C-alpha atoms as a PDB file:
ATOM      1  CA  UNK A   1    -123.608  39.377 -32.207  1.00  0.00           C
ATOM      2  CA  UNK A   2    -126.214  41.998 -31.217  1.00  0.00           C
ATOM      3  CA  UNK A   3    -125.160  45.301 -29.641  1.00  0.00           C
ATOM      4  CA  UNK A   4    -124.979  44.914 -25.902  1.00  0.00           C
ATOM      5  CA  UNK A   5    -124.534  41.126 -26.207  1.00  0.00           C
ATOM      6  CA  UNK A   6    -120.881  41.405 -25.232  1.00  0.00           C
ATOM      7  CA  UNK A   7    -121.636  43.203 -21.995  1.00  0.00           C
ATOM      8  CA  UNK A   8    -124.467  40.770 -21.243  1.00  0.00           C
ATOM      9  CA  UNK A   9    -122.156  37.803 -21.914  1.00  0.00           C
ATOM     10  CA  UNK A  10    -119.448  39.354 -19.731  1.00  0.00           C
ATOM     11  CA  UNK A  11    -121.979  39.907 -16.931  1.00  0.00           C
ATOM     12  CA  UNK A  12    -123.121  36.272 -17.161  1.00  0.00           C
ATOM     13  CA  UNK A  13    -119.518  35.019 -17.001  1.00  0.00           C
ATOM     14  CA  UNK A  14    -118.736  37.223 -14.012  1.00  0.00           C
ATOM     15  CA  UNK A  15    -121.850  36.117 -12.140  1.00  0.00           C
ATOM     16  CA  UNK A  16    -121.047  32.462 -12.840  1.00  0.00           C
ATOM     17  CA  UNK A  17    -117.567  32.961 -11.433  1.00  0.00           C
ATOM     18  CA  UNK A  18    -118.891  34.768  -8.383  1.00  0.00           C
ATOM     19  CA  UNK A  19    -121.459  32.080  -7.643  1.00  0.00           C
ATOM     20  CA  UNK A  20    -118.804  29.389  -7.950  1.00  0.00           C
ATOM     21  CA  UNK A  21    -116.478  31.297  -5.646  1.00  0.00           C
ATOM     22  CA  UNK A  22    -119.196  31.918  -3.085  1.00  0.00           C
ATOM     23  CA  UNK A  23    -120.132  28.230  -3.169  1.00  0.00           C
ATOM     24  CA  UNK A  24    -116.487  27.245  -2.690  1.00  0.00           C
ATOM     25  CA  UNK A  25    -116.069  29.687   0.175  1.00  0.00           C
ATOM     26  CA  UNK A  26    -118.637  27.822   2.280  1.00  0.00           C
ATOM     27  CA  UNK A  27    -117.015  24.395   1.898  1.00  0.00           C
ATOM     28  CA  UNK A  28    -113.606  23.150   3.110  1.00  0.00           C
ATOM     29  CA  UNK A  29    -110.776  23.774   0.682  1.00  0.00           C
ATOM     30  CA  UNK A  30    -109.761  20.726  -1.311  1.00  0.00           C
ATOM     31  CA  UNK A  31    -106.878  20.820  -3.706  1.00  0.00           C
ATOM     32  CA  UNK A  32    -104.845  18.289  -5.586  1.00  0.00           C
ATOM     33  CA  UNK A  33    -101.560  18.477  -7.388  1.00  0.00           C
ATOM     34  CA  UNK A  34    -100.095  15.966  -9.792  1.00  0.00           C
ATOM     35  CA  UNK A  35     -96.497  15.749 -10.936  1.00  0.00           C
ATOM     36  CA  UNK A  36     -96.259  14.274 -14.411  1.00  0.00           C
ATOM     37  CA  UNK A  37     -92.892  12.953 -15.510  1.00  0.00           C
ATOM     38  CA  UNK A  38     -91.567  11.025 -18.464  1.00  0.00           C
ATOM     39  CA  UNK A  39     -88.840  10.873 -21.056  1.00  0.00           C
ATOM     40  CA  UNK A  40     -89.021  11.760 -24.711  1.00  0.00           C
ATOM     41  CA  UNK A  41     -86.731   9.359 -26.566  1.00  0.00           C
ATOM     42  CA  UNK A  42     -85.091  10.177 -29.862  1.00  0.00           C
ATOM     43  CA  UNK A  43     -83.024   7.088 -30.538  1.00  0.00           C
ATOM     44  CA  UNK A  44     -83.290   3.512 -31.688  1.00  0.00           C
ATOM     45  CA  UNK A  45     -82.735   2.274 -28.099  1.00  0.00           C
ATOM     46  CA  UNK A  46     -82.639   3.792 -24.662  1.00  0.00           C
ATOM     47  CA  UNK A  47     -80.483   3.176 -21.628  1.00  0.00           C
ATOM     48  CA  UNK A  48     -82.200   1.145 -18.932  1.00  0.00           C
ATOM     49  CA  UNK A  49     -82.576   3.331 -15.808  1.00  0.00           C
ATOM     50  CA  UNK A  50     -80.737   0.695 -13.745  1.00  0.00           C
ATOM     51  CA  UNK A  51     -77.665   1.284 -15.924  1.00  0.00           C
ATOM     52  CA  UNK A  52     -77.664   5.077 -15.689  1.00  0.00           C
ATOM     53  CA  UNK A  53     -76.168   5.287 -12.181  1.00  0.00           C
ATOM     54  CA  UNK A  54     -74.075   2.376 -11.021  1.00  0.00           C
ATOM     55  CA  UNK A  55     -71.608   1.724  -8.238  1.00  0.00           C
ATOM     56  CA  UNK A  56     -68.987  -0.893  -9.037  1.00  0.00           C
ATOM     57  CA  UNK A  57     -67.098  -2.414  -6.147  1.00  0.00           C
ATOM     58  CA  UNK A  58     -63.577  -3.595  -6.829  1.00  0.00           C
ATOM     59  CA  UNK A  59     -63.548  -5.039  -3.339  1.00  0.00           C
ATOM     60  CA  UNK A  60     -60.375  -5.178  -1.273  1.00  0.00           C
ATOM     61  CA  UNK A  61     -57.250  -4.869  -3.401  1.00  0.00           C
ATOM     62  CA  UNK A  62     -53.951  -6.149  -2.053  1.00  0.00           C
ATOM     63  CA  UNK A  63     -50.813  -4.039  -2.422  1.00  0.00           C
ATOM     64  CA  UNK A  64     -49.007  -7.375  -2.949  1.00  0.00           C
ATOM     65  CA  UNK A  65     -50.708  -7.662  -6.397  1.00  0.00           C
ATOM     66  CA  UNK A  66     -49.637  -4.154  -7.397  1.00  0.00           C
ATOM     67  CA  UNK A  67     -45.905  -4.212  -6.606  1.00  0.00           C
ATOM     68  CA  UNK A  68     -44.405  -3.335 -10.021  1.00  0.00           C
ATOM     69  CA  UNK A  69     -45.475  -0.743 -12.593  1.00  0.00           C
ATOM     70  CA  UNK A  70     -48.028  -2.393 -14.883  1.00  0.00           C
ATOM     71  CA  UNK A  71     -49.141  -5.045 -12.350  1.00  0.00           C
ATOM     72  CA  UNK A  72     -52.895  -5.624 -12.625  1.00  0.00           C
ATOM     73  CA  UNK A  73     -55.770  -6.507 -10.350  1.00  0.00           C
ATOM     74  CA  UNK A  74     -58.889  -8.496 -11.197  1.00  0.00           C
ATOM     75  CA  UNK A  75     -61.243  -6.823 -13.708  1.00  0.00           C
ATOM     76  CA  UNK A  76     -64.842  -6.105 -12.717  1.00  0.00           C
ATOM     77  CA  UNK A  77     -67.657  -6.065 -15.301  1.00  0.00           C
ATOM     78  CA  UNK A  78     -69.559  -2.881 -16.124  1.00  0.00           C
ATOM     79  CA  UNK A  79     -72.900  -3.688 -17.798  1.00  0.00           C
ATOM     80  CA  UNK A  80     -74.914  -1.172 -19.784  1.00  0.00           C
ATOM     81  CA  UNK A  81     -78.441  -2.410 -20.421  1.00  0.00           C
ATOM     82  CA  UNK A  82     -80.383  -1.097 -23.418  1.00  0.00           C
ATOM     83  CA  UNK A  83     -84.134  -1.372 -23.923  1.00  0.00           C
ATOM     84  CA  UNK A  84     -86.525  -0.920 -26.802  1.00  0.00           C
ATOM     85  CA  UNK A  85     -83.971  -1.366 -29.573  1.00  0.00           C
ATOM     86  CA  UNK A  86     -85.811  -1.360 -32.898  1.00  0.00           C
ATOM     87  CA  UNK A  87     -84.869  -3.241 -36.035  1.00  0.00           C
ATOM     88  CA  UNK A  88     -82.947  -0.988 -38.368  1.00  0.00           C
ATOM     89  CA  UNK A  89     -79.958  -1.303 -40.612  1.00  0.00           C
ATOM     90  CA  UNK A  90     -76.567  -0.111 -39.494  1.00  0.00           C
ATOM     91  CA  UNK A  91     -72.887  -0.346 -40.257  1.00  0.00           C
ATOM     92  CA  UNK A  92     -69.634  -0.038 -38.384  1.00  0.00           C
ATOM     93  CA  UNK A  93     -65.968  -0.121 -39.281  1.00  0.00           C
ATOM     94  CA  UNK A  94     -64.099  -3.271 -38.245  1.00  0.00           C
ATOM     95  CA  UNK A  95     -60.945  -1.805 -36.661  1.00  0.00           C
ATOM     96  CA  UNK A  96     -58.854  -4.958 -37.148  1.00  0.00           C
ATOM     97  CA  UNK A  97     -59.644  -5.470 -40.830  1.00  0.00           C
ATOM     98  CA  UNK A  98     -60.403  -1.851 -41.767  1.00  0.00           C
ATOM     99  CA  UNK A  99     -63.615  -2.842 -43.566  1.00  0.00           C
ATOM    100  CA  UNK A 100     -67.210  -1.735 -43.174  1.00  0.00           C
ATOM    101  CA  UNK A 101     -69.451  -4.375 -41.586  1.00  0.00           C
ATOM    102  CA  UNK A 102     -73.186  -3.999 -42.249  1.00  0.00           C
ATOM    103  CA  UNK A 103     -76.360  -5.455 -40.705  1.00  0.00           C
ATOM    104  CA  UNK A 104     -79.839  -5.213 -42.185  1.00  0.00           C
ATOM    105  CA  UNK A 105     -81.601  -5.602 -38.801  1.00  0.00           C
ATOM    106  CA  UNK A 106     -79.211  -4.413 -36.057  1.00  0.00           C
ATOM    107  CA  UNK A 107     -78.701  -0.727 -35.233  1.00  0.00           C
ATOM    108  CA  UNK A 108     -75.246   0.458 -34.201  1.00  0.00           C
ATOM    109  CA  UNK A 109     -74.430   1.960 -30.786  1.00  0.00           C
ATOM    110  CA  UNK A 110     -71.272   3.944 -30.087  1.00  0.00           C
ATOM    111  CA  UNK A 111     -70.004   4.909 -26.646  1.00  0.00           C
ATOM    112  CA  UNK A 112     -67.551   7.537 -25.468  1.00  0.00           C
ATOM    113  CA  UNK A 113     -66.109   7.273 -21.956  1.00  0.00           C
ATOM    114  CA  UNK A 114     -64.854  10.346 -20.099  1.00  0.00           C
ATOM    115  CA  UNK A 115     -63.005  10.520 -16.788  1.00  0.00           C
ATOM    116  CA  UNK A 116     -60.189  12.381 -15.084  1.00  0.00           C
ATOM    117  CA  UNK A 117     -56.990  10.745 -16.330  1.00  0.00           C
ATOM    118  CA  UNK A 118     -54.228   9.523 -14.027  1.00  0.00           C
ATOM    119  CA  UNK A 119     -51.283  11.969 -14.015  1.00  0.00           C
ATOM    120  CA  UNK A 120     -48.641   9.226 -14.409  1.00  0.00           C
ATOM    121  CA  UNK A 121     -50.490   7.013 -16.884  1.00  0.00           C
ATOM    122  CA  UNK A 122     -53.036   9.135 -18.820  1.00  0.00           C
ATOM    123  CA  UNK A 123     -54.819   6.154 -20.379  1.00  0.00           C
ATOM    124  CA  UNK A 124     -55.960   5.134 -16.859  1.00  0.00           C
ATOM    125  CA  UNK A 125     -58.801   6.608 -14.819  1.00  0.00           C
ATOM    126  CA  UNK A 126     -57.528   8.541 -11.804  1.00  0.00           C
ATOM    127  CA  UNK A 127     -58.481   7.216  -8.365  1.00  0.00           C
ATOM    128  CA  UNK A 128     -58.957   9.557  -5.402  1.00  0.00           C
ATOM    129  CA  UNK A 129     -57.876   8.352  -1.949  1.00  0.00           C
ATOM    130  CA  UNK A 130     -55.386   5.523  -2.342  1.00  0.00           C
ATOM    131  CA  UNK A 131     -52.428   6.150  -4.673  1.00  0.00           C
ATOM    132  CA  UNK A 132     -50.049   4.361  -6.991  1.00  0.00           C
ATOM    133  CA  UNK A 133     -52.617   2.826  -9.338  1.00  0.00           C
ATOM    134  CA  UNK A 134     -55.350   3.787 -11.761  1.00  0.00           C
ATOM    135  CA  UNK A 135     -58.221   2.020 -13.471  1.00  0.00           C
ATOM    136  CA  UNK A 136     -58.046   0.710 -17.021  1.00  0.00           C
ATOM    137  CA  UNK A 137     -61.225   0.462 -19.113  1.00  0.00           C
ATOM    138  CA  UNK A 138     -61.424  -2.597 -21.383  1.00  0.00           C
ATOM    139  CA  UNK A 139     -63.958  -3.815 -23.923  1.00  0.00           C
ATOM    140  CA  UNK A 140     -65.406  -7.331 -23.829  1.00  0.00           C
ATOM    141  CA  UNK A 141     -62.472  -8.673 -25.903  1.00  0.00           C
ATOM    142  CA  UNK A 142     -59.956  -7.205 -23.431  1.00  0.00           C
ATOM    143  CA  UNK A 143     -58.916  -4.312 -25.695  1.00  0.00           C
ATOM    144  CA  UNK A 144     -58.015  -0.969 -24.148  1.00  0.00           C
ATOM    145  CA  UNK A 145     -60.751   1.686 -24.437  1.00  0.00           C
ATOM    146  CA  UNK A 146     -59.318   5.199 -24.700  1.00  0.00           C
ATOM    147  CA  UNK A 147     -60.824   7.903 -22.527  1.00  0.00           C
ATOM    148  CA  UNK A 148     -62.384  10.831 -24.382  1.00  0.00           C
ATOM    149  CA  UNK A 149     -62.663   8.941 -27.677  1.00  0.00           C
ATOM    150  CA  UNK A 150     -65.559   7.048 -29.175  1.00  0.00           C
ATOM    151  CA  UNK A 151     -65.046   3.332 -28.576  1.00  0.00           C
ATOM    152  CA  UNK A 152     -65.542   0.905 -31.479  1.00  0.00           C
ATOM    153  CA  UNK A 153     -69.262   0.662 -32.272  1.00  0.00           C
ATOM    154  CA  UNK A 154     -71.431  -2.314 -31.320  1.00  0.00           C
ATOM    155  CA  UNK A 155     -74.230  -3.959 -33.205  1.00  0.00           C
ATOM    156  CA  UNK A 156     -77.238  -3.951 -30.887  1.00  0.00           C
ATOM    157  CA  UNK A 157     -79.769  -6.788 -31.010  1.00  0.00           C
ATOM    158  CA  UNK A 158     -83.396  -5.719 -31.514  1.00  0.00           C
ATOM    159  CA  UNK A 159     -85.349  -5.701 -28.243  1.00  0.00           C
ATOM    160  CA  UNK A 160     -83.312  -5.517 -25.060  1.00  0.00           C
ATOM    161  CA  UNK A 161     -79.545  -5.716 -25.223  1.00  0.00           C
ATOM    162  CA  UNK A 162     -76.510  -5.445 -22.953  1.00  0.00           C
ATOM    163  CA  UNK A 163     -73.062  -3.972 -23.579  1.00  0.00           C
ATOM    164  CA  UNK A 164     -70.229  -5.148 -21.318  1.00  0.00           C
ATOM    165  CA  UNK A 165     -66.971  -3.412 -20.441  1.00  0.00           C
ATOM    166  CA  UNK A 166     -64.426  -4.067 -17.688  1.00  0.00           C
ATOM    167  CA  UNK A 167     -62.648  -1.899 -15.119  1.00  0.00           C
ATOM    168  CA  UNK A 168     -59.233  -3.237 -14.035  1.00  0.00           C
ATOM    169  CA  UNK A 169     -56.844  -1.743 -11.448  1.00  0.00           C
ATOM    170  CA  UNK A 170     -53.304  -1.191 -12.733  1.00  0.00           C
ATOM    171  CA  UNK A 171     -50.125  -0.036 -10.967  1.00  0.00           C
ATOM    172  CA  UNK A 172     -48.629   3.316 -12.008  1.00  0.00           C
ATOM    173  CA  UNK A 173     -45.250   4.960 -11.329  1.00  0.00           C
ATOM    174  CA  UNK A 174     -46.563   6.936  -8.327  1.00  0.00           C
ATOM    175  CA  UNK A 175     -45.691   5.677  -4.827  1.00  0.00           C
ATOM    176  CA  UNK A 176     -48.169   3.054  -3.615  1.00  0.00           C
ATOM    177  CA  UNK A 177     -50.306   4.242  -0.699  1.00  0.00           C
ATOM    178  CA  UNK A 178     -53.082   2.043   0.693  1.00  0.00           C
ATOM    179  CA  UNK A 179     -56.522   3.360   1.627  1.00  0.00           C
ATOM    180  CA  UNK A 180     -60.127   3.676   0.474  1.00  0.00           C
ATOM    181  CA  UNK A 181     -60.548   5.047  -3.052  1.00  0.00           C
ATOM    182  CA  UNK A 182     -63.152   6.182  -5.558  1.00  0.00           C
ATOM    183  CA  UNK A 183     -63.281   7.232  -9.198  1.00  0.00           C
ATOM    184  CA  UNK A 184     -65.901   8.535 -11.620  1.00  0.00           C
ATOM    185  CA  UNK A 185     -66.583   7.525 -15.208  1.00  0.00           C
ATOM    186  CA  UNK A 186     -69.114   9.174 -17.542  1.00  0.00           C
ATOM    187  CA  UNK A 187     -70.565   7.388 -20.548  1.00  0.00           C
ATOM    188  CA  UNK A 188     -72.141   9.019 -23.617  1.00  0.00           C
ATOM    189  CA  UNK A 189     -74.227   6.712 -25.787  1.00  0.00           C
ATOM    190  CA  UNK A 190     -75.032   7.499 -29.438  1.00  0.00           C
ATOM    191  CA  UNK A 191     -76.880   5.533 -32.129  1.00  0.00           C
ATOM    192  CA  UNK A 192     -76.539   5.407 -35.925  1.00  0.00           C
END
C-alpha cells in the first residue's frame, strides 16, 4: 500500500457512508426484523413437540371406587412420540431374566420420571386439590415405574416411534376429600 493510501481509503469509506445516510434520510424509514429459531439435536431420536407438553384428563372420578386403601381407578394412557430415530445398535438389560438384550438396528431410549411424591404412599404422584389418593405410573405391561429412577429401557424402532405409559388413580391412607385436582410429572429422555 502506498503512503497516504490508508487515509484516502478511509476518506472514501466515510464519504460512501455519508452519501448512503443522506440518501436514506430523504426516504421513509423501512426496517425489517426476523426471528430465527430452531433446535440443535444431539441424539438418535427427538421428542415430538406434541409430546413435550401434555394435559391428561382422568375425567370424573367417583369416591365410590376409592373407598379402601389400594382401591384403583381407570388408567389413562400417556403417549410419548419420538421422531427421526436412526438405525443404530443398542442393548438393554432384561430386568426379568437379568440378561443383556441386543439389537443391531434399534437404538435404546431410557426415561426417568420425576414428580412430587404423595406423603402417605411415596411411590405415587401427589395430587393437589382433592385428597386421599395419588397417581401411580405404570409401563405398558402394567409394571410400577418408580419416581426419580430410570425406567427400564425401550428399544426404539427406526423412524417415528411411540412409548406408552399409564397414569392410574390409587387410594392412600389420607382421608378422602372430593374436589378438582391436578398433578405434575416431568420426563427426562436419554438415548444409548
